[in-house]
Amino acid sequence: MSDLGLMPVCDIICSRLNRSQWQRVKVAAQLARDPSILISSNIFKEVDVHDQCFLIDYLREWAVKTSRVVIMAVSPTSFQVLRMFSKTLILASGRTVYYGPPGNMQQYFDSIGCPCPPYKNLCDYYVDLVTHDNLTSDASRESSVRIARLVNKWNQSAPPIRRIAGGKFILDLPKANVFIKPLLVLSFFWFEFSNYRASRIFLLFFIFCLSTFCSLFLSDLSLTLPEAFFNRNAFVEIFGFYFPLLIGLINLKKSRHQIQEMLKMTMYRCNCSTLVLTVVSTIGEIPNITVTSFMAAAPIAVFTDFHKRTPDYSTSLISLLISMLMSLFVNQLFANCFRCFSSEPLSIFFFMFLWLSVYVFTGFPVLVPSLLKYFSPLHLPTLTIFHFLYEEMD
């Protein structure tokens, strides 16, 4: 990181880097694997000459020190940049036209009757020389004859290829073990959180405002029929089904974006299974789920009359917080399970279907609470503090 000048931008997401910094990040990501042969293509696009020379010089020094091979497909802007390479290979239609030191290239083309015109960039001239022109039939025929002649000239004068038997094969670095894999996923979540703080804060503010509005709407839970029936069922539907469903859909959208970004990275795709990603990502979201649950439960405890049915505000807040925490945790788990679907509408459908199934089988919509309610992973505090929501009405 420090050798490539990336320390000042180590905490910045890649989409915010400029072109030069992004190319250096890609080089650093490949060098971290310690490859035996590094092949790069088109890394100098939209990069100035200074950064081109820096990357070439760095990779050349790395290859010499570590006895590695670096192969780069480039379009050098000047002959001085080309001379920084130890060997140059020019191909025309997949056939070799020249291979050797860059310093001998001009002498070779002069010897076969293709001298570079005065004041002409050598690199541009040699590229034009081996380019097949398809603008007209005459130009195509002429360029084909020229390329065939250059290939024949090289085949006649090319030195024999030396084949070296043996040699030490350098293996890639070993894969991460079972303890490192979760740390890789957690590091990704922390990196994403540090770069998307504003969106996280805005989402928490939105949830707080929505919870406040719904709490004011249900601020008075009547105990007289028929208002008591409608108020209790409205409360259960809003805060037990619709509210977690909305947050779950937001989490599903965010989780799909996360998994797409993670699968773009070779180290996550090769080292982490879907099960590891699902479990660790769900655990990594626990702090965010806790804060979100608090922002959703606090207005309910303050603006509704729960404190009249419980000893104080803190008791109702804790009970609401536990209930909301369980709901959002199950929602996050569902979102992480269905985010890997290739189709986003399909993942949304299965997520909503499973959440509706859980809601139905926990007994919430039933007028007389069923036994399934006592095994609900979403409304476990019903046994203690929330029993007044289902108390018998005379």
Protein backbone atom coordinates (compact mmCIF):
# COMPACT_ATOMS: atom_id res chain seq x y z
CA MET A 1 0.00 0.00 0.00
CA SER A 2 2.71 2.46 0.95
CA ASP A 3 4.96 1.53 -2.00
CA LEU A 4 2.13 2.19 -4.45
CA GLY A 5 1.16 5.45 -2.74
CA LEU A 6 -2.24 4.20 -1.58
CA MET A 7 -2.03 4.90 2.16
CA PRO A 8 -3.72 8.35 1.90
CA VAL A 9 -6.75 6.70 0.25
CA CYS A 10 -6.82 3.40 2.16
CA ASP A 11 -10.15 4.26 3.85
CA ILE A 12 -11.89 5.51 0.70
CA ILE A 13 -14.25 3.31 -1.29
CA CYS A 14 -12.94 2.36 -4.73
CA SER A 15 -15.74 4.12 -6.63
CA ARG A 16 -14.44 7.45 -5.31
CA LEU A 17 -10.86 6.94 -6.49
CA ASN A 18 -9.50 8.54 -9.61
CA ARG A 19 -8.37 6.48 -12.58
CA SER A 20 -4.70 6.35 -11.58
CA GLN A 21 -5.45 5.32 -7.99
CA TRP A 22 -7.91 2.67 -9.15
CA GLN A 23 -5.31 1.11 -11.46
CA ARG A 24 -2.80 1.00 -8.61
CA VAL A 25 -5.40 -0.68 -6.38
CA LYS A 26 -5.94 -3.39 -9.01
CA VAL A 27 -2.18 -3.96 -9.24
CA ALA A 28 -1.87 -4.14 -5.44
CA ALA A 29 -4.76 -6.64 -5.23
CA GLN A 30 -2.98 -8.98 -7.64
CA LEU A 31 0.43 -8.57 -6.01
CA ALA A 32 -1.10 -9.54 -2.65
CA ARG A 33 -1.63 -13.03 -4.08
CA ASP A 34 2.10 -13.28 -4.86
CA PRO A 35 1.59 -14.68 -8.40
CA SER A 36 4.32 -16.45 -10.34
CA ILE A 37 3.27 -14.66 -13.54
CA LEU A 38 1.43 -11.33 -13.49
CA ILE A 39 -0.53 -10.53 -16.66
CA SER A 40 -2.08 -7.07 -16.98
CA SER A 41 -4.03 -5.55 -19.83
CA ASN A 42 -5.02 -1.97 -20.55
CA ILE A 43 -4.03 -0.61 -17.14
CA PHE A 44 -2.66 2.59 -18.72
CA LYS A 45 -5.96 3.74 -20.18
CA GLU A 46 -6.68 7.37 -19.16
CA VAL A 47 -3.49 7.41 -17.04
CA ASP A 48 -0.91 10.14 -17.53
CA VAL A 49 2.71 9.49 -18.49
CA HIS A 50 4.00 10.08 -14.97
CA ASP A 51 1.78 7.35 -13.49
CA GLN A 52 2.60 5.03 -16.38
CA CYS A 53 6.31 5.33 -15.68
CA PHE A 54 5.71 4.86 -11.95
CA LEU A 55 3.78 1.60 -12.44
CA ILE A 56 6.24 0.21 -14.98
CA ASP A 57 9.21 1.03 -12.78
CA TYR A 58 7.53 -0.47 -9.69
CA LEU A 59 6.51 -3.70 -11.43
CA ARG A 60 9.93 -4.07 -13.04
CA GLU A 61 11.63 -3.69 -9.66
CA TRP A 62 9.18 -6.16 -8.09
CA ALA A 63 9.79 -8.73 -10.83
CA VAL A 64 13.58 -8.47 -10.49
CA LYS A 65 13.57 -8.75 -6.69
CA THR A 66 11.14 -11.66 -6.52
CA SER A 67 12.18 -13.48 -9.74
CA ARG A 68 8.69 -13.16 -11.19
CA VAL A 69 7.44 -12.56 -14.72
CA VAL A 70 5.30 -9.53 -15.62
CA ILE A 71 3.49 -9.45 -18.97
CA MET A 72 1.77 -6.19 -19.89
CA ALA A 73 -0.37 -5.37 -22.92
CA VAL A 74 0.13 -1.63 -23.39
CA SER A 75 -0.04 1.13 -25.95
CA PRO A 76 2.97 3.25 -24.92
CA THR A 77 2.69 6.96 -25.48
CA SER A 78 6.38 7.40 -26.30
CA PHE A 79 9.44 5.37 -27.13
CA GLN A 80 10.99 6.40 -23.81
CA VAL A 81 8.19 4.58 -21.98
CA LEU A 82 8.68 1.53 -24.19
CA ARG A 83 12.39 1.42 -23.38
CA MET A 84 11.55 0.84 -19.70
CA PHE A 85 10.56 -2.75 -20.55
CA SER A 86 13.15 -5.51 -20.79
CA LYS A 87 11.45 -7.18 -23.77
CA THR A 88 8.93 -6.05 -26.37
CA LEU A 89 6.58 -8.26 -28.37
CA ILE A 90 4.68 -6.89 -31.38
CA LEU A 91 1.85 -9.03 -32.72
CA ALA A 92 -0.13 -8.69 -35.95
CA SER A 93 -3.23 -10.88 -36.27
CA GLY A 94 -1.80 -13.17 -33.60
CA ARG A 95 1.55 -13.60 -35.38
CA THR A 96 4.89 -12.32 -34.16
CA VAL A 97 6.40 -9.35 -35.97
CA TYR A 98 9.11 -8.50 -33.46
CA TYR A 99 10.33 -9.82 -30.12
CA GLY A 100 13.38 -8.53 -28.33
CA PRO A 101 14.83 -5.57 -26.46
CA PRO A 102 13.10 -2.25 -27.22
CA GLY A 103 16.45 -0.63 -28.01
CA ASN A 104 17.01 -2.98 -30.97
CA MET A 105 13.54 -2.50 -32.43
CA GLN A 106 14.32 0.57 -34.53
CA GLN A 107 17.46 -1.02 -35.94
CA TYR A 108 15.56 -4.17 -36.90
CA PHE A 109 12.78 -2.37 -38.76
CA ASP A 110 15.35 -0.23 -40.55
CA SER A 111 17.13 -3.39 -41.69
CA ILE A 112 13.99 -4.89 -43.27
CA GLY A 113 13.13 -1.74 -45.19
CA CYS A 114 10.60 -0.14 -42.81
CA PRO A 115 12.39 2.92 -41.40
CA CYS A 116 10.45 5.35 -39.26
CA PRO A 117 9.86 8.72 -41.00
CA PRO A 118 11.48 11.79 -39.42
CA TYR A 119 9.57 13.52 -36.60
CA LYS A 120 7.24 10.52 -36.32
CA ASN A 121 6.53 8.84 -32.99
CA LEU A 122 8.18 5.43 -33.17
CA CYS A 123 5.43 3.73 -31.16
CA ASP A 124 2.65 5.15 -33.31
CA TYR A 125 4.49 4.23 -36.49
CA TYR A 126 5.05 0.61 -35.54
CA VAL A 127 1.43 0.25 -34.41
CA ASP A 128 0.24 1.62 -37.75
CA LEU A 129 2.65 -0.72 -39.51
CA VAL A 130 1.04 -3.87 -38.10
CA THR A 131 -2.58 -2.63 -38.11
CA HIS A 132 -4.97 -4.24 -40.57
CA ASP A 133 -6.85 -1.54 -42.50
CA ASN A 134 -10.45 -2.47 -43.34
CA LEU A 135 -11.67 0.87 -44.66
CA THR A 136 -11.45 -0.14 -48.32
CA SER A 137 -10.75 -3.34 -50.20
CA ASP A 138 -7.49 -1.96 -51.63
CA ALA A 139 -6.30 -0.83 -48.19
CA SER A 140 -7.22 -4.20 -46.69
CA ARG A 141 -5.33 -6.05 -49.42
CA GLU A 142 -2.28 -3.80 -49.04
CA SER A 143 -2.18 -4.13 -45.24
CA SER A 144 -2.56 -7.92 -45.45
CA VAL A 145 0.41 -8.14 -47.83
CA ARG A 146 2.46 -5.83 -45.60
CA ILE A 147 1.72 -7.83 -42.44
CA ALA A 148 2.49 -11.13 -44.18
CA ARG A 149 5.82 -9.73 -45.34
CA LEU A 150 6.71 -8.54 -41.83
CA VAL A 151 5.83 -11.95 -40.37
CA ASN A 152 7.96 -13.74 -42.97
CA LYS A 153 10.88 -11.41 -42.34
CA TRP A 154 10.73 -12.15 -38.62
CA ASN A 155 10.45 -15.89 -39.12
CA GLN A 156 13.58 -15.80 -41.28
CA SER A 157 15.66 -13.67 -38.92
CA ALA A 158 14.29 -14.61 -35.50
CA PRO A 159 16.82 -16.20 -33.14
CA PRO A 160 16.02 -19.73 -31.99
CA ILE A 161 13.96 -20.02 -28.83
CA ARG A 162 15.89 -21.31 -25.87
CA ARG A 163 13.98 -23.81 -23.79
CA ILE A 164 15.13 -24.12 -20.20
CA ALA A 165 14.34 -27.45 -18.56
CA GLY A 166 13.38 -27.55 -14.93
CA GLY A 167 12.96 -24.49 -12.77
CA LYS A 168 11.19 -23.87 -9.51
CA PHE A 169 7.43 -23.47 -9.66
CA ILE A 170 6.17 -20.89 -7.21
CA LEU A 171 2.78 -21.72 -5.74
CA ASP A 172 0.18 -19.11 -4.88
CA LEU A 173 -0.47 -18.19 -1.30
CA PRO A 174 -2.64 -20.70 0.64
CA LYS A 175 -6.34 -19.99 1.05
CA ALA A 176 -7.68 -18.43 4.20
CA ASN A 177 -8.57 -20.84 7.00
CA VAL A 178 -11.89 -21.12 8.79
CA PHE A 179 -10.98 -18.33 11.25
CA ILE A 180 -9.78 -15.84 8.65
CA LYS A 181 -12.85 -16.18 6.40
CA PRO A 182 -15.28 -14.56 8.88
CA LEU A 183 -12.76 -11.79 9.55
CA LEU A 184 -12.61 -11.06 5.81
CA VAL A 185 -16.38 -10.68 5.66
CA LEU A 186 -16.52 -8.55 8.82
CA SER A 187 -13.75 -6.31 7.48
CA PHE A 188 -15.82 -5.76 4.34
CA PHE A 189 -18.85 -4.74 6.42
CA TRP A 190 -16.79 -2.32 8.50
CA PHE A 191 -15.25 -0.82 5.37
CA GLU A 192 -18.69 -0.39 3.81
CA PHE A 193 -20.11 1.19 6.98
CA SER A 194 -17.24 3.68 7.19
CA ASN A 195 -17.94 4.81 3.61
CA TYR A 196 -21.75 4.91 3.80
CA ARG A 197 -22.31 6.58 7.17
CA ALA A 198 -24.61 9.25 5.73
CA SER A 199 -27.01 6.72 4.20
CA ARG A 200 -27.09 4.69 7.43
CA ILE A 201 -27.89 7.78 9.50
CA PHE A 202 -30.60 8.85 7.05
CA LEU A 203 -32.21 5.39 7.25
CA LEU A 204 -32.24 5.54 11.06
CA PHE A 205 -33.81 9.00 10.93
CA PHE A 206 -36.46 7.75 8.50
CA ILE A 207 -37.31 4.79 10.76
CA PHE A 208 -37.53 7.07 13.79
CA CYS A 209 -39.91 9.46 12.01
CA LEU A 210 -42.07 6.62 10.69
CA SER A 211 -42.26 5.00 14.11
CA THR A 212 -43.18 8.34 15.68
CA PHE A 213 -45.99 8.87 13.17
CA CYS A 214 -47.42 5.38 13.72
CA SER A 215 -47.12 5.75 17.51
CA LEU A 216 -49.05 9.01 17.48
CA PHE A 217 -51.69 7.35 15.34
CA LEU A 218 -52.08 4.59 17.97
CA SER A 219 -51.36 6.77 20.99
CA ASP A 220 -54.47 5.72 22.87
CA LEU A 221 -55.11 1.98 23.19
CA SER A 222 -58.72 1.85 24.30
CA LEU A 223 -59.99 -0.85 26.66
CA THR A 224 -63.63 -0.67 25.57
CA LEU A 225 -65.23 -2.68 22.82
CA PRO A 226 -65.08 -2.54 19.83
CA GLU A 227 -62.23 -0.02 19.83
CA ALA A 228 -60.03 -2.29 21.93
CA PHE A 229 -60.21 -5.06 19.33
CA PHE A 230 -59.32 -2.80 16.41
CA ASN A 231 -56.59 -0.96 18.30
CA ARG A 232 -54.83 -4.11 19.40
CA ASN A 233 -54.97 -5.74 15.99
CA ALA A 234 -53.89 -2.52 14.30
CA PHE A 235 -50.92 -2.32 16.65
CA VAL A 236 -49.92 -5.93 15.98
CA GLU A 237 -50.28 -5.52 12.22
CA ILE A 238 -48.32 -2.28 12.01
CA PHE A 239 -45.48 -3.00 14.42
CA GLY A 240 -45.49 -6.79 14.16
CA PHE A 241 -45.84 -7.22 10.41
CA TYR A 242 -45.73 -4.13 8.19
CA PHE A 243 -43.01 -2.23 10.01
CA PRO A 244 -40.50 -5.14 10.11
CA LEU A 245 -41.50 -6.02 6.53
CA LEU A 246 -40.58 -2.54 5.31
CA ILE A 247 -37.23 -2.61 7.11
CA GLY A 248 -36.63 -6.14 5.82
CA LEU A 249 -37.18 -5.07 2.20
CA ILE A 250 -34.70 -2.24 2.69
CA ASN A 251 -32.20 -4.70 4.17
CA LEU A 252 -32.79 -7.10 1.27
CA LYS A 253 -31.99 -4.38 -1.25
CA LYS A 254 -28.86 -3.46 0.67
CA SER A 255 -27.83 -7.11 1.08
CA ARG A 256 -28.13 -7.76 -2.65
CA HIS A 257 -25.83 -4.83 -3.33
CA GLN A 258 -23.36 -6.12 -0.74
CA ILE A 259 -23.24 -9.65 -2.13
CA GLN A 260 -22.74 -8.33 -5.66
CA GLU A 261 -19.80 -6.22 -4.53
CA MET A 262 -18.29 -9.07 -2.52
CA LEU A 263 -18.56 -11.59 -5.35
CA LYS A 264 -16.63 -9.22 -7.60
CA MET A 265 -13.62 -9.77 -5.35
CA THR A 266 -11.70 -12.93 -6.07
CA MET A 267 -10.63 -13.50 -2.47
CA TYR A 268 -14.25 -13.58 -1.23
CA ARG A 269 -15.50 -15.65 -4.17
CA CYS A 270 -12.78 -18.28 -3.72
CA ASN A 271 -12.48 -18.38 0.06
CA CYS A 272 -15.99 -17.85 1.44
CA SER A 273 -18.96 -20.15 0.97
CA THR A 274 -22.56 -18.96 0.86
CA LEU A 275 -23.19 -20.33 4.37
CA VAL A 276 -20.24 -18.41 5.81
CA LEU A 277 -21.36 -15.22 4.08
CA THR A 278 -24.93 -15.61 5.37
CA VAL A 279 -24.03 -16.40 8.98
CA VAL A 280 -21.21 -13.89 9.37
CA SER A 281 -23.05 -11.09 7.58
CA THR A 282 -26.08 -11.61 9.83
CA ILE A 283 -23.88 -11.48 12.93
CA GLY A 284 -22.11 -8.41 11.55
CA GLU A 285 -25.44 -6.60 11.25
CA ILE A 286 -26.35 -7.11 14.92
CA PRO A 287 -25.07 -3.65 16.01
CA ASN A 288 -27.03 -2.00 13.21
CA ILE A 289 -30.13 -4.08 14.04
CA THR A 290 -29.86 -3.07 17.70
CA VAL A 291 -29.68 0.65 16.91
CA THR A 292 -32.51 0.34 14.39
CA SER A 293 -34.67 -1.50 16.94
CA PHE A 294 -34.07 1.23 19.51
CA MET A 295 -35.00 3.98 17.03
CA ALA A 296 -38.20 2.10 16.22
CA ALA A 297 -39.15 1.15 19.80
CA ALA A 298 -38.41 4.44 21.57
CA PRO A 299 -41.31 6.45 20.04
CA ILE A 300 -43.72 3.57 20.73
CA ALA A 301 -42.81 3.51 24.42
CA VAL A 302 -43.08 7.30 24.73
CA PHE A 303 -46.17 8.18 22.69
CA THR A 304 -48.41 5.19 23.43
CA ASP A 305 -49.96 4.35 26.79
CA PHE A 306 -47.80 1.30 27.52
CA HIS A 307 -46.39 3.01 30.60
CA LYS A 308 -49.89 3.01 32.06
CA ARG A 309 -50.03 -0.78 31.84
CA THR A 310 -46.44 -1.37 32.95
CA PRO A 311 -44.47 -0.04 35.94
CA ASP A 312 -42.53 2.67 34.03
CA TYR A 313 -41.23 3.81 30.66
CA SER A 314 -38.09 1.69 30.86
CA THR A 315 -40.02 -1.56 31.25
CA SER A 316 -42.18 -0.93 28.20
CA LEU A 317 -39.14 0.29 26.23
CA ILE A 318 -37.16 -2.86 27.03
CA SER A 319 -40.05 -5.14 26.12
CA LEU A 320 -40.64 -3.30 22.85
CA LEU A 321 -36.93 -3.26 22.11
CA ILE A 322 -36.60 -7.03 22.62
CA SER A 323 -39.62 -7.72 20.42
CA MET A 324 -38.42 -5.40 17.64
CA LEU A 325 -34.89 -6.78 17.91
CA MET A 326 -36.13 -10.33 17.38
CA SER A 327 -38.28 -9.28 14.44
CA LEU A 328 -35.50 -7.40 12.67
CA PHE A 329 -32.97 -10.14 13.33
CA VAL A 330 -35.23 -12.74 11.70
CA ASN A 331 -35.86 -10.28 8.86
CA GLN A 332 -32.13 -9.76 8.34
CA LEU A 333 -31.57 -13.52 8.31
CA PHE A 334 -34.25 -13.95 5.65
CA ALA A 335 -32.77 -11.11 3.59
CA ASN A 336 -29.30 -12.67 3.71
CA CYS A 337 -30.71 -16.04 2.67
CA PHE A 338 -32.60 -14.76 -0.38
CA ARG A 339 -30.14 -12.10 -1.56
CA CYS A 340 -28.18 -14.61 -3.67
CA PHE A 341 -31.06 -15.13 -6.10
CA SER A 342 -30.22 -13.92 -9.59
CA SER A 343 -33.63 -12.27 -9.97
CA GLU A 344 -34.45 -9.43 -7.59
CA PRO A 345 -38.26 -9.79 -7.94
CA LEU A 346 -37.90 -13.49 -7.14
CA SER A 347 -35.92 -12.79 -3.98
CA ILE A 348 -38.48 -10.17 -2.90
CA PHE A 349 -41.34 -12.63 -3.51
CA PHE A 350 -39.80 -15.42 -1.43
CA PHE A 351 -38.83 -12.98 1.31
CA MET A 352 -42.37 -11.60 1.61
CA PHE A 353 -43.91 -15.06 1.37
CA LEU A 354 -41.73 -16.45 4.16
CA TRP A 355 -42.30 -13.42 6.38
CA LEU A 356 -46.07 -13.69 5.87
CA SER A 357 -45.91 -17.40 6.68
CA VAL A 358 -44.04 -16.74 9.91
CA TYR A 359 -46.53 -14.03 10.84
CA VAL A 360 -49.54 -16.28 10.18
CA PHE A 361 -48.19 -19.32 12.00
CA THR A 362 -47.24 -17.30 15.09
CA GLY A 363 -50.96 -16.72 15.72
CA PHE A 364 -51.05 -12.91 15.45
CA PRO A 365 -54.09 -12.59 13.15
CA VAL A 366 -56.10 -15.13 15.18
CA LEU A 367 -58.76 -13.61 17.46
CA VAL A 368 -58.18 -16.15 20.23
CA PRO A 369 -54.38 -16.48 20.73
CA SER A 370 -53.26 -19.91 19.59
CA LEU A 371 -50.62 -22.08 21.23
CA LEU A 372 -48.27 -21.27 18.35
CA LYS A 373 -47.97 -17.76 19.75
CA TYR A 374 -45.94 -19.04 22.70
CA PHE A 375 -43.30 -20.43 20.32
CA SER A 376 -43.09 -17.25 18.27
CA PRO A 377 -39.51 -16.03 17.61
CA LEU A 378 -40.95 -12.57 16.99
CA HIS A 379 -43.17 -11.85 19.97
CA LEU A 380 -41.68 -13.86 22.84
CA PRO A 381 -42.25 -11.05 25.41
CA THR A 382 -46.01 -11.67 24.95
CA LEU A 383 -45.76 -14.15 27.83
CA THR A 384 -44.87 -11.41 30.30
CA ILE A 385 -45.35 -7.75 29.51
CA PHE A 386 -47.47 -7.76 26.35
CA HIS A 387 -50.17 -10.01 27.74
CA PHE A 388 -52.55 -7.06 28.06
CA LEU A 389 -52.72 -6.87 24.26
CA TYR A 390 -54.45 -10.26 24.25
CA GLU A 391 -56.30 -10.10 27.54
CA GLU A 392 -59.87 -11.29 27.45
CA MET A 393 -62.34 -8.57 26.65
CA ASP A 394 -65.70 -8.61 28.34
